[in-house]
Each structure stands twice: as C-alpha cells, then as structure tokens.
Amino acid sequence: MVEEMDELLTVSEVARRLRVDDTTVRRWIKSGVLEAITLPHKGKRQAYRVKKST
C-alpha cells in the first residue's frame, strides 16, 4: 500500500513538474487529457492523484 502511494502524485506535484498551474492540471483531469484517481473529499475541491508513469 505504501509503495502504491509512492507511485502517485498530487495535483500540485504534477503542476510543479510540468511547470503549469494547479488549475491547469485539474482542467486536464476533468477533460480527460490526464488520467487520475479520484479520492473521497470533504472540502470544496475534488482530490485527485496521478500515477507517476502517466
């Protein structure tokens, strides 16, 4: 399980690596350009994780 989490990146981590804004990454996920895992959330924003290999 821990190894699986190491393989996943947050929206912020993806944005930093691609040198774009978090909003851009979220837009790519919502439009299907970037594949992500949707996590349960309690706040205003949906939580996503992106596989490193994607």
N, C-alpha and C. Protein backbone atom coordinates (compact mmCIF):
# COMPACT_ATOMS: atom_id res chain seq x y z
N MET A 1 0.83 -1.20 0.00
CA MET A 1 0.00 0.00 0.00
C MET A 1 0.87 1.26 0.00
N VAL A 2 1.92 1.27 0.80
CA VAL A 2 2.82 2.42 0.86
C VAL A 2 3.52 2.61 -0.48
N GLU A 3 3.91 1.50 -1.11
CA GLU A 3 4.55 1.59 -2.42
C GLU A 3 3.61 2.19 -3.45
N GLU A 4 2.32 1.84 -3.37
CA GLU A 4 1.34 2.39 -4.30
C GLU A 4 1.24 3.90 -4.13
N MET A 5 1.25 4.38 -2.90
CA MET A 5 1.15 5.82 -2.65
C MET A 5 2.38 6.55 -3.16
N ASP A 6 3.55 5.89 -3.12
CA ASP A 6 4.77 6.50 -3.65
C ASP A 6 4.69 6.67 -5.16
N GLU A 7 3.86 5.87 -5.80
CA GLU A 7 3.70 5.92 -7.25
C GLU A 7 2.70 7.00 -7.68
N LEU A 8 2.03 7.63 -6.72
CA LEU A 8 1.00 8.62 -7.03
C LEU A 8 1.48 10.03 -6.70
N LEU A 9 1.09 10.97 -7.54
CA LEU A 9 1.45 12.38 -7.35
C LEU A 9 0.19 13.20 -7.09
N THR A 10 0.33 14.23 -6.29
CA THR A 10 -0.78 15.15 -6.07
C THR A 10 -0.89 16.10 -7.27
N VAL A 11 -1.98 16.82 -7.33
CA VAL A 11 -2.16 17.81 -8.39
C VAL A 11 -1.03 18.84 -8.35
N SER A 12 -0.67 19.28 -7.16
CA SER A 12 0.41 20.27 -7.02
C SER A 12 1.75 19.73 -7.50
N GLU A 13 2.03 18.47 -7.19
CA GLU A 13 3.29 17.86 -7.63
C GLU A 13 3.35 17.75 -9.15
N VAL A 14 2.24 17.37 -9.76
CA VAL A 14 2.18 17.29 -11.23
C VAL A 14 2.37 18.67 -11.83
N ALA A 15 1.68 19.66 -11.27
CA ALA A 15 1.79 21.04 -11.78
C ALA A 15 3.23 21.54 -11.69
N ARG A 16 3.89 21.27 -10.59
CA ARG A 16 5.27 21.69 -10.41
C ARG A 16 6.18 21.04 -11.45
N ARG A 17 6.01 19.74 -11.68
CA ARG A 17 6.85 19.02 -12.64
C ARG A 17 6.64 19.50 -14.07
N LEU A 18 5.39 19.87 -14.39
CA LEU A 18 5.07 20.31 -15.75
C LEU A 18 5.15 21.82 -15.91
N ARG A 19 5.44 22.50 -14.81
CA ARG A 19 5.55 23.97 -14.80
C ARG A 19 4.28 24.67 -15.30
N VAL A 20 3.16 24.19 -14.75
CA VAL A 20 1.87 24.80 -15.03
C VAL A 20 1.17 25.03 -13.69
N ASP A 21 0.03 25.70 -13.74
CA ASP A 21 -0.74 25.98 -12.54
C ASP A 21 -1.57 24.76 -12.14
N ASP A 22 -1.90 24.64 -10.86
CA ASP A 22 -2.76 23.55 -10.38
C ASP A 22 -4.08 23.51 -11.14
N THR A 23 -4.62 24.69 -11.43
CA THR A 23 -5.90 24.78 -12.15
C THR A 23 -5.81 24.12 -13.52
N THR A 24 -4.69 24.27 -14.18
CA THR A 24 -4.49 23.65 -15.50
C THR A 24 -4.51 22.14 -15.37
N VAL A 25 -3.84 21.60 -14.36
CA VAL A 25 -3.82 20.15 -14.15
C VAL A 25 -5.23 19.65 -13.87
N ARG A 26 -5.97 20.34 -13.02
CA ARG A 26 -7.36 19.94 -12.73
C ARG A 26 -8.22 19.98 -13.99
N ARG A 27 -8.02 20.98 -14.83
CA ARG A 27 -8.76 21.08 -16.09
C ARG A 27 -8.44 19.90 -17.00
N TRP A 28 -7.15 19.54 -17.08
CA TRP A 28 -6.73 18.40 -17.89
C TRP A 28 -7.37 17.10 -17.38
N ILE A 29 -7.44 16.96 -16.06
CA ILE A 29 -8.06 15.76 -15.48
C ILE A 29 -9.54 15.72 -15.83
N LYS A 30 -10.24 16.82 -15.62
CA LYS A 30 -11.68 16.87 -15.88
C LYS A 30 -12.02 16.65 -17.35
N SER A 31 -11.15 17.11 -18.25
CA SER A 31 -11.41 16.96 -19.69
C SER A 31 -10.92 15.63 -20.24
N GLY A 32 -10.22 14.84 -19.41
CA GLY A 32 -9.76 13.53 -19.84
C GLY A 32 -8.38 13.52 -20.47
N VAL A 33 -7.72 14.65 -20.52
CA VAL A 33 -6.37 14.73 -21.09
C VAL A 33 -5.38 14.00 -20.20
N LEU A 34 -5.58 14.09 -18.89
CA LEU A 34 -4.70 13.46 -17.91
C LEU A 34 -5.53 12.48 -17.08
N GLU A 35 -5.07 11.25 -16.98
CA GLU A 35 -5.79 10.23 -16.22
C GLU A 35 -5.43 10.36 -14.74
N ALA A 36 -6.44 10.31 -13.88
CA ALA A 36 -6.21 10.45 -12.44
C ALA A 36 -7.17 9.58 -11.65
N ILE A 37 -6.78 9.32 -10.42
CA ILE A 37 -7.63 8.60 -9.47
C ILE A 37 -8.36 9.65 -8.65
N THR A 38 -9.66 9.49 -8.51
CA THR A 38 -10.47 10.42 -7.73
C THR A 38 -10.56 9.90 -6.30
N LEU A 39 -10.23 10.74 -5.34
CA LEU A 39 -10.29 10.37 -3.93
C LEU A 39 -11.51 11.00 -3.28
N PRO A 40 -12.00 10.36 -2.21
CA PRO A 40 -13.10 10.98 -1.46
C PRO A 40 -12.62 12.31 -0.88
N HIS A 41 -13.52 13.28 -0.80
CA HIS A 41 -13.12 14.59 -0.29
C HIS A 41 -14.17 15.17 0.63
N LYS A 42 -13.75 16.08 1.48
CA LYS A 42 -14.66 16.75 2.41
C LYS A 42 -14.76 18.24 2.13
N GLY A 43 -13.77 18.77 1.44
CA GLY A 43 -13.71 20.21 1.19
C GLY A 43 -14.40 20.61 -0.09
N LYS A 44 -14.05 21.80 -0.55
CA LYS A 44 -14.65 22.37 -1.75
C LYS A 44 -14.13 21.72 -3.03
N ARG A 45 -12.86 21.32 -3.02
CA ARG A 45 -12.25 20.78 -4.23
C ARG A 45 -12.19 19.26 -4.20
N GLN A 46 -12.34 18.68 -5.37
CA GLN A 46 -12.18 17.23 -5.53
C GLN A 46 -10.70 16.89 -5.40
N ALA A 47 -10.39 15.80 -4.73
CA ALA A 47 -8.99 15.37 -4.56
C ALA A 47 -8.65 14.33 -5.63
N TYR A 48 -7.50 14.51 -6.26
CA TYR A 48 -7.04 13.59 -7.30
C TYR A 48 -5.62 13.15 -7.01
N ARG A 49 -5.25 11.99 -7.56
CA ARG A 49 -3.87 11.52 -7.57
C ARG A 49 -3.58 11.03 -8.98
N VAL A 50 -2.37 11.29 -9.44
CA VAL A 50 -1.95 10.92 -10.80
C VAL A 50 -0.79 9.95 -10.68
N LYS A 51 -0.85 8.85 -11.43
CA LYS A 51 0.25 7.89 -11.42
C LYS A 51 1.49 8.53 -12.02
N LYS A 52 2.65 8.23 -11.44
CA LYS A 52 3.91 8.79 -11.93
C LYS A 52 4.17 8.44 -13.39
N SER A 53 3.79 7.25 -13.80
CA SER A 53 4.09 6.80 -15.16
C SER A 53 3.19 7.43 -16.22
N THR A 54 2.13 8.11 -15.79
CA THR A 54 1.20 8.71 -16.75
C THR A 54 1.81 9.92 -17.42
